[in-house]
mmCIF file of all heavy atoms, coordinates in Angstrom:
data_MODEL
# 
_entry.id   MODEL 
# 
loop_
_atom_site.group_PDB 
_atom_site.id 
_atom_site.type_symbol 
_atom_site.label_atom_id 
_atom_site.label_alt_id 
_atom_site.label_comp_id 
_atom_site.label_asym_id 
_atom_site.label_entity_id 
_atom_site.label_seq_id 
_atom_site.pdbx_PDB_ins_code 
_atom_site.Cartn_x 
_atom_site.Cartn_y 
_atom_site.Cartn_z 
_atom_site.occupancy 
_atom_site.B_iso_or_equiv 
_atom_site.pdbx_formal_charge 
_atom_site.auth_seq_id 
_atom_site.auth_comp_id 
_atom_site.auth_asym_id 
_atom_site.auth_atom_id 
_atom_site.pdbx_PDB_model_num 
ATOM 1   N N   . HIS A 1 1  ? -33.791 38.177 218.809 1.00 0.00 ? 1  HIS A N   1 
ATOM 2   C CA  . HIS A 1 1  ? -34.727 39.230 218.416 1.00 0.00 ? 1  HIS A CA  1 
ATOM 3   C C   . HIS A 1 1  ? -33.962 40.509 218.050 1.00 0.00 ? 1  HIS A C   1 
ATOM 4   O O   . HIS A 1 1  ? -33.477 41.228 218.921 1.00 0.00 ? 1  HIS A O   1 
ATOM 5   C CB  . HIS A 1 1  ? -35.725 39.515 219.538 1.00 0.00 ? 1  HIS A CB  1 
ATOM 6   C CG  . HIS A 1 1  ? -36.576 38.341 219.887 1.00 0.00 ? 1  HIS A CG  1 
ATOM 7   N ND1 . HIS A 1 1  ? -37.661 37.964 219.141 1.00 0.00 ? 1  HIS A ND1 1 
ATOM 8   C CD2 . HIS A 1 1  ? -36.481 37.434 220.912 1.00 0.00 ? 1  HIS A CD2 1 
ATOM 9   C CE1 . HIS A 1 1  ? -38.219 36.879 219.681 1.00 0.00 ? 1  HIS A CE1 1 
ATOM 10  N NE2 . HIS A 1 1  ? -37.513 36.552 220.756 1.00 0.00 ? 1  HIS A NE2 1 
ATOM 11  N N   . ALA A 1 2  ? -33.886 40.783 216.765 1.00 0.00 ? 2  ALA A N   1 
ATOM 12  C CA  . ALA A 1 2  ? -33.132 41.952 216.296 1.00 0.00 ? 2  ALA A CA  1 
ATOM 13  C C   . ALA A 1 2  ? -33.744 43.255 216.794 1.00 0.00 ? 2  ALA A C   1 
ATOM 14  O O   . ALA A 1 2  ? -33.030 44.218 217.082 1.00 0.00 ? 2  ALA A O   1 
ATOM 15  C CB  . ALA A 1 2  ? -33.080 41.946 214.765 1.00 0.00 ? 2  ALA A CB  1 
ATOM 16  N N   . SER A 1 3  ? -35.074 43.328 216.895 1.00 0.00 ? 3  SER A N   1 
ATOM 17  C CA  . SER A 1 3  ? -35.717 44.578 217.320 1.00 0.00 ? 3  SER A CA  1 
ATOM 18  C C   . SER A 1 3  ? -35.351 44.918 218.762 1.00 0.00 ? 3  SER A C   1 
ATOM 19  O O   . SER A 1 3  ? -35.219 46.089 219.123 1.00 0.00 ? 3  SER A O   1 
ATOM 20  C CB  . SER A 1 3  ? -37.237 44.473 217.178 1.00 0.00 ? 3  SER A CB  1 
ATOM 21  O OG  . SER A 1 3  ? -37.765 43.478 218.048 1.00 0.00 ? 3  SER A OG  1 
ATOM 22  N N   . LEU A 1 4  ? -35.169 43.910 219.595 1.00 0.00 ? 4  LEU A N   1 
ATOM 23  C CA  . LEU A 1 4  ? -34.774 44.149 220.981 1.00 0.00 ? 4  LEU A CA  1 
ATOM 24  C C   . LEU A 1 4  ? -33.371 44.739 221.043 1.00 0.00 ? 4  LEU A C   1 
ATOM 25  O O   . LEU A 1 4  ? -33.117 45.713 221.764 1.00 0.00 ? 4  LEU A O   1 
ATOM 26  C CB  . LEU A 1 4  ? -34.837 42.833 221.759 1.00 0.00 ? 4  LEU A CB  1 
ATOM 27  C CG  . LEU A 1 4  ? -34.487 42.901 223.248 1.00 0.00 ? 4  LEU A CG  1 
ATOM 28  C CD1 . LEU A 1 4  ? -35.454 43.813 223.989 1.00 0.00 ? 4  LEU A CD1 1 
ATOM 29  C CD2 . LEU A 1 4  ? -34.520 41.492 223.851 1.00 0.00 ? 4  LEU A CD2 1 
ATOM 30  N N   . MET A 1 5  ? -32.456 44.183 220.256 1.00 0.00 ? 5  MET A N   1 
ATOM 31  C CA  . MET A 1 5  ? -31.095 44.698 220.252 1.00 0.00 ? 5  MET A CA  1 
ATOM 32  C C   . MET A 1 5  ? -31.045 46.097 219.657 1.00 0.00 ? 5  MET A C   1 
ATOM 33  O O   . MET A 1 5  ? -30.292 46.956 220.111 1.00 0.00 ? 5  MET A O   1 
ATOM 34  C CB  . MET A 1 5  ? -30.201 43.747 219.442 1.00 0.00 ? 5  MET A CB  1 
ATOM 35  C CG  . MET A 1 5  ? -28.712 43.999 219.646 1.00 0.00 ? 5  MET A CG  1 
ATOM 36  S SD  . MET A 1 5  ? -28.206 43.681 221.342 1.00 0.00 ? 5  MET A SD  1 
ATOM 37  C CE  . MET A 1 5  ? -26.977 44.950 221.558 1.00 0.00 ? 5  MET A CE  1 
ATOM 38  N N   . ARG A 1 6  ? -31.879 46.342 218.635 1.00 0.00 ? 6  ARG A N   1 
ATOM 39  C CA  . ARG A 1 6  ? -31.902 47.662 218.002 1.00 0.00 ? 6  ARG A CA  1 
ATOM 40  C C   . ARG A 1 6  ? -32.375 48.741 218.989 1.00 0.00 ? 6  ARG A C   1 
ATOM 41  O O   . ARG A 1 6  ? -31.776 49.805 219.102 1.00 0.00 ? 6  ARG A O   1 
ATOM 42  C CB  . ARG A 1 6  ? -32.818 47.638 216.785 1.00 0.00 ? 6  ARG A CB  1 
ATOM 43  C CG  . ARG A 1 6  ? -32.862 48.972 216.028 1.00 0.00 ? 6  ARG A CG  1 
ATOM 44  C CD  . ARG A 1 6  ? -33.807 48.923 214.841 1.00 0.00 ? 6  ARG A CD  1 
ATOM 45  N NE  . ARG A 1 6  ? -35.192 48.707 215.249 1.00 0.00 ? 6  ARG A NE  1 
ATOM 46  C CZ  . ARG A 1 6  ? -35.890 47.601 215.013 1.00 0.00 ? 6  ARG A CZ  1 
ATOM 47  N NH1 . ARG A 1 6  ? -35.325 46.587 214.357 1.00 0.00 ? 6  ARG A NH1 1 
ATOM 48  N NH2 . ARG A 1 6  ? -37.137 47.471 215.412 1.00 0.00 ? 6  ARG A NH2 1 
ATOM 49  N N   . GLU A 1 7  ? -33.439 48.459 219.730 1.00 0.00 ? 7  GLU A N   1 
ATOM 50  C CA  . GLU A 1 7  ? -33.942 49.444 220.690 1.00 0.00 ? 7  GLU A CA  1 
ATOM 51  C C   . GLU A 1 7  ? -32.973 49.627 221.849 1.00 0.00 ? 7  GLU A C   1 
ATOM 52  O O   . GLU A 1 7  ? -32.830 50.723 222.391 1.00 0.00 ? 7  GLU A O   1 
ATOM 53  C CB  . GLU A 1 7  ? -35.317 49.015 221.205 1.00 0.00 ? 7  GLU A CB  1 
ATOM 54  C CG  . GLU A 1 7  ? -36.403 49.068 220.163 1.00 0.00 ? 7  GLU A CG  1 
ATOM 55  C CD  . GLU A 1 7  ? -36.486 50.419 219.492 1.00 0.00 ? 7  GLU A CD  1 
ATOM 56  O OE1 . GLU A 1 7  ? -36.417 51.443 220.205 1.00 0.00 ? 7  GLU A OE1 1 
ATOM 57  O OE2 . GLU A 1 7  ? -36.598 50.469 218.251 1.00 0.00 ? 7  GLU A OE2 1 
ATOM 58  N N   . LEU A 1 8  ? -32.293 48.555 222.222 1.00 0.00 ? 8  LEU A N   1 
ATOM 59  C CA  . LEU A 1 8  ? -31.296 48.661 223.286 1.00 0.00 ? 8  LEU A CA  1 
ATOM 60  C C   . LEU A 1 8  ? -30.147 49.561 222.839 1.00 0.00 ? 8  LEU A C   1 
ATOM 61  O O   . LEU A 1 8  ? -29.687 50.424 223.594 1.00 0.00 ? 8  LEU A O   1 
ATOM 62  C CB  . LEU A 1 8  ? -30.782 47.263 223.637 1.00 0.00 ? 8  LEU A CB  1 
ATOM 63  C CG  . LEU A 1 8  ? -29.812 47.168 224.815 1.00 0.00 ? 8  LEU A CG  1 
ATOM 64  C CD1 . LEU A 1 8  ? -30.479 47.626 226.094 1.00 0.00 ? 8  LEU A CD1 1 
ATOM 65  C CD2 . LEU A 1 8  ? -29.324 45.728 224.973 1.00 0.00 ? 8  LEU A CD2 1 
ATOM 66  N N   . ALA A 1 9  ? -29.676 49.385 221.608 1.00 0.00 ? 9  ALA A N   1 
ATOM 67  C CA  . ALA A 1 9  ? -28.596 50.221 221.078 1.00 0.00 ? 9  ALA A CA  1 
ATOM 68  C C   . ALA A 1 9  ? -29.034 51.675 220.976 1.00 0.00 ? 9  ALA A C   1 
ATOM 69  O O   . ALA A 1 9  ? -28.275 52.593 221.298 1.00 0.00 ? 9  ALA A O   1 
ATOM 70  C CB  . ALA A 1 9  ? -28.159 49.706 219.701 1.00 0.00 ? 9  ALA A CB  1 
ATOM 71  N N   . ARG A 1 10 ? -30.275 51.901 220.541 1.00 0.00 ? 10 ARG A N   1 
ATOM 72  C CA  . ARG A 1 10 ? -30.789 53.271 220.425 1.00 0.00 ? 10 ARG A CA  1 
ATOM 73  C C   . ARG A 1 10 ? -30.847 53.942 221.797 1.00 0.00 ? 10 ARG A C   1 
ATOM 74  O O   . ARG A 1 10 ? -30.476 55.095 221.956 1.00 0.00 ? 10 ARG A O   1 
ATOM 75  C CB  . ARG A 1 10 ? -32.177 53.232 219.794 1.00 0.00 ? 10 ARG A CB  1 
ATOM 76  C CG  . ARG A 1 10 ? -32.820 54.604 219.615 1.00 0.00 ? 10 ARG A CG  1 
ATOM 77  C CD  . ARG A 1 10 ? -34.204 54.472 219.023 1.00 0.00 ? 10 ARG A CD  1 
ATOM 78  N NE  . ARG A 1 10 ? -34.165 53.932 217.672 1.00 0.00 ? 10 ARG A NE  1 
ATOM 79  C CZ  . ARG A 1 10 ? -35.251 53.605 216.964 1.00 0.00 ? 10 ARG A CZ  1 
ATOM 80  N NH1 . ARG A 1 10 ? -36.451 53.747 217.496 1.00 0.00 ? 10 ARG A NH1 1 
ATOM 81  N NH2 . ARG A 1 10 ? -35.134 53.126 215.734 1.00 0.00 ? 10 ARG A NH2 1 
ATOM 82  N N   . MET A 1 11 ? -31.325 53.192 222.779 1.00 0.00 ? 11 MET A N   1 
ATOM 83  C CA  . MET A 1 11 ? -31.426 53.740 224.133 1.00 0.00 ? 11 MET A CA  1 
ATOM 84  C C   . MET A 1 11 ? -30.050 54.061 224.707 1.00 0.00 ? 11 MET A C   1 
ATOM 85  O O   . MET A 1 11 ? -29.837 55.110 225.324 1.00 0.00 ? 11 MET A O   1 
ATOM 86  C CB  . MET A 1 11 ? -32.164 52.745 225.022 1.00 0.00 ? 11 MET A CB  1 
ATOM 87  C CG  . MET A 1 11 ? -32.318 53.148 226.471 1.00 0.00 ? 11 MET A CG  1 
ATOM 88  S SD  . MET A 1 11 ? -30.870 52.705 227.456 1.00 0.00 ? 11 MET A SD  1 
ATOM 89  C CE  . MET A 1 11 ? -30.759 50.964 227.114 1.00 0.00 ? 11 MET A CE  1 
ATOM 90  N N   . MET A 1 12 ? -29.067 53.164 224.513 1.00 0.00 ? 12 MET A N   1 
ATOM 91  C CA  . MET A 1 12 ? -27.728 53.402 225.046 1.00 0.00 ? 12 MET A CA  1 
ATOM 92  C C   . MET A 1 12 ? -27.063 54.598 224.372 1.00 0.00 ? 12 MET A C   1 
ATOM 93  O O   . MET A 1 12 ? -26.376 55.378 225.019 1.00 0.00 ? 12 MET A O   1 
ATOM 94  C CB  . MET A 1 12 ? -26.862 52.147 224.884 1.00 0.00 ? 12 MET A CB  1 
ATOM 95  C CG  . MET A 1 12 ? -27.251 51.031 225.826 1.00 0.00 ? 12 MET A CG  1 
ATOM 96  S SD  . MET A 1 12 ? -26.024 49.696 225.869 1.00 0.00 ? 12 MET A SD  1 
ATOM 97  C CE  . MET A 1 12 ? -26.120 49.109 224.188 1.00 0.00 ? 12 MET A CE  1 
ATOM 98  N N   . LEU A 1 13 ? -27.289 54.760 223.059 1.00 0.00 ? 13 LEU A N   1 
ATOM 99  C CA  . LEU A 1 13 ? -26.727 55.903 222.355 1.00 0.00 ? 13 LEU A CA  1 
ATOM 100 C C   . LEU A 1 13 ? -27.308 57.201 222.891 1.00 0.00 ? 13 LEU A C   1 
ATOM 101 O O   . LEU A 1 13 ? -26.580 58.172 223.110 1.00 0.00 ? 13 LEU A O   1 
ATOM 102 C CB  . LEU A 1 13 ? -27.002 55.773 220.856 1.00 0.00 ? 13 LEU A CB  1 
ATOM 103 C CG  . LEU A 1 13 ? -26.417 56.866 219.962 1.00 0.00 ? 13 LEU A CG  1 
ATOM 104 C CD1 . LEU A 1 13 ? -24.904 56.906 220.084 1.00 0.00 ? 13 LEU A CD1 1 
ATOM 105 C CD2 . LEU A 1 13 ? -26.816 56.632 218.502 1.00 0.00 ? 13 LEU A CD2 1 
ATOM 106 N N   . ALA A 1 14 ? -28.620 57.224 223.143 1.00 0.00 ? 14 ALA A N   1 
ATOM 107 C CA  . ALA A 1 14 ? -29.249 58.417 223.702 1.00 0.00 ? 14 ALA A CA  1 
ATOM 108 C C   . ALA A 1 14 ? -28.700 58.723 225.083 1.00 0.00 ? 14 ALA A C   1 
ATOM 109 O O   . ALA A 1 14 ? -28.452 59.878 225.439 1.00 0.00 ? 14 ALA A O   1 
ATOM 110 C CB  . ALA A 1 14 ? -30.762 58.223 223.765 1.00 0.00 ? 14 ALA A CB  1 
ATOM 111 N N   . ARG A 1 15 ? -28.468 57.669 225.875 1.00 0.00 ? 15 ARG A N   1 
ATOM 112 C CA  . ARG A 1 15 ? -27.936 57.892 227.224 1.00 0.00 ? 15 ARG A CA  1 
ATOM 113 C C   . ARG A 1 15 ? -26.513 58.415 227.172 1.00 0.00 ? 15 ARG A C   1 
ATOM 114 O O   . ARG A 1 15 ? -26.135 59.308 227.935 1.00 0.00 ? 15 ARG A O   1 
ATOM 115 C CB  . ARG A 1 15 ? -28.001 56.588 228.018 1.00 0.00 ? 15 ARG A CB  1 
ATOM 116 C CG  . ARG A 1 15 ? -27.449 56.710 229.426 1.00 0.00 ? 15 ARG A CG  1 
ATOM 117 C CD  . ARG A 1 15 ? -27.673 55.453 230.246 1.00 0.00 ? 15 ARG A CD  1 
ATOM 118 N NE  . ARG A 1 15 ? -29.073 55.312 230.626 1.00 0.00 ? 15 ARG A NE  1 
ATOM 119 C CZ  . ARG A 1 15 ? -29.526 54.336 231.414 1.00 0.00 ? 15 ARG A CZ  1 
ATOM 120 N NH1 . ARG A 1 15 ? -28.692 53.427 231.876 1.00 0.00 ? 15 ARG A NH1 1 
ATOM 121 N NH2 . ARG A 1 15 ? -30.798 54.262 231.725 1.00 0.00 ? 15 ARG A NH2 1 
ATOM 122 N N   . LEU A 1 16 ? -25.697 57.878 226.248 1.00 0.00 ? 16 LEU A N   1 
ATOM 123 C CA  . LEU A 1 16 ? -24.325 58.362 226.115 1.00 0.00 ? 16 LEU A CA  1 
ATOM 124 C C   . LEU A 1 16 ? -24.304 59.824 225.696 1.00 0.00 ? 16 LEU A C   1 
ATOM 125 O O   . LEU A 1 16 ? -23.527 60.624 226.209 1.00 0.00 ? 16 LEU A O   1 
ATOM 126 C CB  . LEU A 1 16 ? -23.566 57.518 225.096 1.00 0.00 ? 16 LEU A CB  1 
ATOM 127 C CG  . LEU A 1 16 ? -23.079 56.149 225.567 1.00 0.00 ? 16 LEU A CG  1 
ATOM 128 C CD1 . LEU A 1 16 ? -22.559 55.346 224.385 1.00 0.00 ? 16 LEU A CD1 1 
ATOM 129 C CD2 . LEU A 1 16 ? -22.004 56.294 226.631 1.00 0.00 ? 16 LEU A CD2 1 
ATOM 130 N N   . ARG A 1 17 ? -25.168 60.194 224.760 1.00 0.00 ? 17 ARG A N   1 
ATOM 131 C CA  . ARG A 1 17 ? -25.227 61.590 224.342 1.00 0.00 ? 17 ARG A CA  1 
ATOM 132 C C   . ARG A 1 17 ? -25.666 62.477 225.492 1.00 0.00 ? 17 ARG A C   1 
ATOM 133 O O   . ARG A 1 17 ? -25.154 63.575 225.680 1.00 0.00 ? 17 ARG A O   1 
ATOM 134 C CB  . ARG A 1 17 ? -26.190 61.730 223.168 1.00 0.00 ? 17 ARG A CB  1 
ATOM 135 C CG  . ARG A 1 17 ? -25.634 61.183 221.859 1.00 0.00 ? 17 ARG A CG  1 
ATOM 136 C CD  . ARG A 1 17 ? -26.697 61.149 220.787 1.00 0.00 ? 17 ARG A CD  1 
ATOM 137 N NE  . ARG A 1 17 ? -26.151 60.732 219.500 1.00 0.00 ? 17 ARG A NE  1 
ATOM 138 C CZ  . ARG A 1 17 ? -26.889 60.353 218.462 1.00 0.00 ? 17 ARG A CZ  1 
ATOM 139 N NH1 . ARG A 1 17 ? -28.222 60.347 218.554 1.00 0.00 ? 17 ARG A NH1 1 
ATOM 140 N NH2 . ARG A 1 17 ? -26.301 59.999 217.337 1.00 0.00 ? 17 ARG A NH2 1 
ATOM 141 N N   . GLY A 1 18 ? -26.630 61.998 226.268 1.00 0.00 ? 18 GLY A N   1 
ATOM 142 C CA  . GLY A 1 18 ? -27.081 62.779 227.413 1.00 0.00 ? 18 GLY A CA  1 
ATOM 143 C C   . GLY A 1 18 ? -25.999 62.937 228.446 1.00 0.00 ? 18 GLY A C   1 
ATOM 144 O O   . GLY A 1 18 ? -25.826 64.004 229.031 1.00 0.00 ? 18 GLY A O   1 
ATOM 145 N N   . THR A 1 19 ? -25.205 61.888 228.671 1.00 0.00 ? 19 THR A N   1 
ATOM 146 C CA  . THR A 1 19 ? -24.107 61.967 229.630 1.00 0.00 ? 19 THR A CA  1 
ATOM 147 C C   . THR A 1 19 ? -23.062 62.968 229.174 1.00 0.00 ? 19 THR A C   1 
ATOM 148 O O   . THR A 1 19 ? -22.519 63.744 229.965 1.00 0.00 ? 19 THR A O   1 
ATOM 149 C CB  . THR A 1 19 ? -23.461 60.582 229.818 1.00 0.00 ? 19 THR A CB  1 
ATOM 150 O OG1 . THR A 1 19 ? -24.456 59.668 230.278 1.00 0.00 ? 19 THR A OG1 1 
ATOM 151 C CG2 . THR A 1 19 ? -22.336 60.639 230.827 1.00 0.00 ? 19 THR A CG2 1 
ATOM 152 N N   . GLN A 1 20 ? -22.776 62.986 227.865 1.00 0.00 ? 20 GLN A N   1 
ATOM 153 C CA  . GLN A 1 20 ? -21.795 63.928 227.349 1.00 0.00 ? 20 GLN A CA  1 
ATOM 154 C C   . GLN A 1 20 ? -22.264 65.370 227.539 1.00 0.00 ? 20 GLN A C   1 
ATOM 155 O O   . GLN A 1 20 ? -21.477 66.272 227.746 1.00 0.00 ? 20 GLN A O   1 
ATOM 156 C CB  . GLN A 1 20 ? -21.544 63.641 225.862 1.00 0.00 ? 20 GLN A CB  1 
ATOM 157 C CG  . GLN A 1 20 ? -20.763 62.353 225.624 1.00 0.00 ? 20 GLN A CG  1 
ATOM 158 C CD  . GLN A 1 20 ? -20.788 61.923 224.169 1.00 0.00 ? 20 GLN A CD  1 
ATOM 159 O OE1 . GLN A 1 20 ? -21.409 62.564 223.327 1.00 0.00 ? 20 GLN A OE1 1 
ATOM 160 N NE2 . GLN A 1 20 ? -20.115 60.822 223.881 1.00 0.00 ? 20 GLN A NE2 1 
ATOM 161 N N   . ARG A 1 21 ? -23.582 65.580 227.472 1.00 0.00 ? 21 ARG A N   1 
ATOM 162 C CA  . ARG A 1 21 ? -24.116 66.927 227.685 1.00 0.00 ? 21 ARG A CA  1 
ATOM 163 C C   . ARG A 1 21 ? -24.415 67.184 229.150 1.00 0.00 ? 21 ARG A C   1 
ATOM 164 O O   . ARG A 1 21 ? -24.883 68.249 229.518 1.00 0.00 ? 21 ARG A O   1 
ATOM 165 C CB  . ARG A 1 21 ? -25.407 67.111 226.876 1.00 0.00 ? 21 ARG A CB  1 
ATOM 166 C CG  . ARG A 1 21 ? -25.212 67.043 225.379 1.00 0.00 ? 21 ARG A CG  1 
ATOM 167 C CD  . ARG A 1 21 ? -26.452 67.566 224.671 1.00 0.00 ? 21 ARG A CD  1 
ATOM 168 N NE  . ARG A 1 21 ? -27.656 66.868 225.097 1.00 0.00 ? 21 ARG A NE  1 
ATOM 169 C CZ  . ARG A 1 21 ? -28.144 65.777 224.511 1.00 0.00 ? 21 ARG A CZ  1 
ATOM 170 N NH1 . ARG A 1 21 ? -27.509 65.236 223.499 1.00 0.00 ? 21 ARG A NH1 1 
ATOM 171 N NH2 . ARG A 1 21 ? -29.264 65.216 224.952 1.00 0.00 ? 21 ARG A NH2 1 
ATOM 172 N N   . ASN A 1 22 ? -24.198 66.150 229.996 1.00 0.00 ? 22 ASN A N   1 
ATOM 173 C CA  . ASN A 1 22 ? -24.432 66.258 231.424 1.00 0.00 ? 22 ASN A CA  1 
ATOM 174 C C   . ASN A 1 22 ? -25.902 66.534 231.742 1.00 0.00 ? 22 ASN A C   1 
ATOM 175 O O   . ASN A 1 22 ? -26.225 67.293 232.652 1.00 0.00 ? 22 ASN A O   1 
ATOM 176 C CB  . ASN A 1 22 ? -23.558 67.364 232.042 1.00 0.00 ? 22 ASN A CB  1 
ATOM 177 C CG  . ASN A 1 22 ? -23.378 67.163 233.537 1.00 0.00 ? 22 ASN A CG  1 
ATOM 178 O OD1 . ASN A 1 22 ? -23.242 66.037 233.985 1.00 0.00 ? 22 ASN A OD1 1 
ATOM 179 N ND2 . ASN A 1 22 ? -23.376 68.247 234.299 1.00 0.00 ? 22 ASN A ND2 1 
ATOM 180 N N   . VAL A 1 23 ? -26.822 65.959 230.960 1.00 0.00 ? 23 VAL A N   1 
ATOM 181 C CA  . VAL A 1 23 ? -28.238 66.182 231.225 1.00 0.00 ? 23 VAL A CA  1 
ATOM 182 C C   . VAL A 1 23 ? -28.896 64.959 231.855 1.00 0.00 ? 23 VAL A C   1 
ATOM 183 O O   . VAL A 1 23 ? -30.003 65.069 232.374 1.00 0.00 ? 23 VAL A O   1 
ATOM 184 C CB  . VAL A 1 23 ? -28.990 66.562 229.927 1.00 0.00 ? 23 VAL A CB  1 
ATOM 185 C CG1 . VAL A 1 23 ? -28.455 67.850 229.364 1.00 0.00 ? 23 VAL A CG1 1 
ATOM 186 C CG2 . VAL A 1 23 ? -28.909 65.452 228.883 1.00 0.00 ? 23 VAL A CG2 1 
ATOM 187 N N   . ALA A 1 24 ? -28.230 63.822 231.793 1.00 0.00 ? 24 ALA A N   1 
ATOM 188 C CA  . ALA A 1 24 ? -28.858 62.612 232.309 1.00 0.00 ? 24 ALA A CA  1 
ATOM 189 C C   . ALA A 1 24 ? -28.785 62.521 233.823 1.00 0.00 ? 24 ALA A C   1 
ATOM 190 O O   . ALA A 1 24 ? -29.486 61.728 234.424 1.00 0.00 ? 24 ALA A O   1 
ATOM 191 C CB  . ALA A 1 24 ? -28.192 61.379 231.697 1.00 0.00 ? 24 ALA A CB  1 
ATOM 192 N N   . ALA A 1 25 ? -27.940 63.329 234.439 1.00 0.00 ? 25 ALA A N   1 
ATOM 193 C CA  . ALA A 1 25 ? -27.686 63.176 235.862 1.00 0.00 ? 25 ALA A CA  1 
ATOM 194 C C   . ALA A 1 25 ? -28.469 64.161 236.714 1.00 0.00 ? 25 ALA A C   1 
ATOM 195 O O   . ALA A 1 25 ? -28.139 64.382 237.859 1.00 0.00 ? 25 ALA A O   1 
ATOM 196 C CB  . ALA A 1 25 ? -26.190 63.352 236.140 1.00 0.00 ? 25 ALA A CB  1 
ATOM 197 N N   . GLU A 1 26 ? -29.491 64.784 236.149 1.00 0.00 ? 26 GLU A N   1 
ATOM 198 C CA  . GLU A 1 26 ? -30.153 65.856 236.868 1.00 0.00 ? 26 GLU A CA  1 
ATOM 199 C C   . GLU A 1 26 ? -31.128 65.345 237.925 1.00 0.00 ? 26 GLU A C   1 
ATOM 200 O O   . GLU A 1 26 ? -32.005 64.534 237.634 1.00 0.00 ? 26 GLU A O   1 
ATOM 201 C CB  . GLU A 1 26 ? -30.916 66.758 235.886 1.00 0.00 ? 26 GLU A CB  1 
ATOM 202 C CG  . GLU A 1 26 ? -30.050 67.441 234.869 1.00 0.00 ? 26 GLU A CG  1 
ATOM 203 C CD  . GLU A 1 26 ? -28.935 68.233 235.493 1.00 0.00 ? 26 GLU A CD  1 
ATOM 204 O OE1 . GLU A 1 26 ? -29.140 68.820 236.570 1.00 0.00 ? 26 GLU A OE1 1 
ATOM 205 O OE2 . GLU A 1 26 ? -27.844 68.272 234.926 1.00 0.00 ? 26 GLU A OE2 1 
ATOM 206 N N   . PRO A 1 27 ? -31.018 65.861 239.156 1.00 0.00 ? 27 PRO A N   1 
ATOM 207 C CA  . PRO A 1 27 ? -32.093 65.640 240.128 1.00 0.00 ? 27 PRO A CA  1 
ATOM 208 C C   . PRO A 1 27 ? -33.289 66.488 239.737 1.00 0.00 ? 27 PRO A C   1 
ATOM 209 O O   . PRO A 1 27 ? -33.144 67.526 239.093 1.00 0.00 ? 27 PRO A O   1 
ATOM 210 C CB  . PRO A 1 27 ? -31.470 66.118 241.441 1.00 0.00 ? 27 PRO A CB  1 
ATOM 211 C CG  . PRO A 1 27 ? -30.462 67.133 241.026 1.00 0.00 ? 27 PRO A CG  1 
ATOM 212 C CD  . PRO A 1 27 ? -29.935 66.683 239.691 1.00 0.00 ? 27 PRO A CD  1 
ATOM 213 N N   . LYS A 1 28 ? -34.478 66.076 240.104 1.00 0.00 ? 28 LYS A N   1 
ATOM 214 C CA  . LYS A 1 28 ? -35.657 66.880 239.810 1.00 0.00 ? 28 LYS A CA  1 
ATOM 215 C C   . LYS A 1 28 ? -36.585 67.025 241.001 1.00 0.00 ? 28 LYS A C   1 
ATOM 216 O O   . LYS A 1 28 ? -37.467 67.882 241.000 1.00 0.00 ? 28 LYS A O   1 
ATOM 217 C CB  . LYS A 1 28 ? -36.420 66.317 238.612 1.00 0.00 ? 28 LYS A CB  1 
ATOM 218 C CG  . LYS A 1 28 ? -37.060 64.968 238.813 1.00 0.00 ? 28 LYS A CG  1 
ATOM 219 C CD  . LYS A 1 28 ? -37.771 64.496 237.534 1.00 0.00 ? 28 LYS A CD  1 
ATOM 220 C CE  . LYS A 1 28 ? -38.832 65.456 237.069 1.00 0.00 ? 28 LYS A CE  1 
ATOM 221 N NZ  . LYS A 1 28 ? -39.541 64.995 235.860 1.00 0.00 ? 28 LYS A NZ  1 
# 
């Protein structure tokens, strides 16, 4: 399923960008 791999890649890219900005690790 190409759509599954595409959404997985999109999600991982967003997480990597968030990690680089140090925003993914925030407690709330």
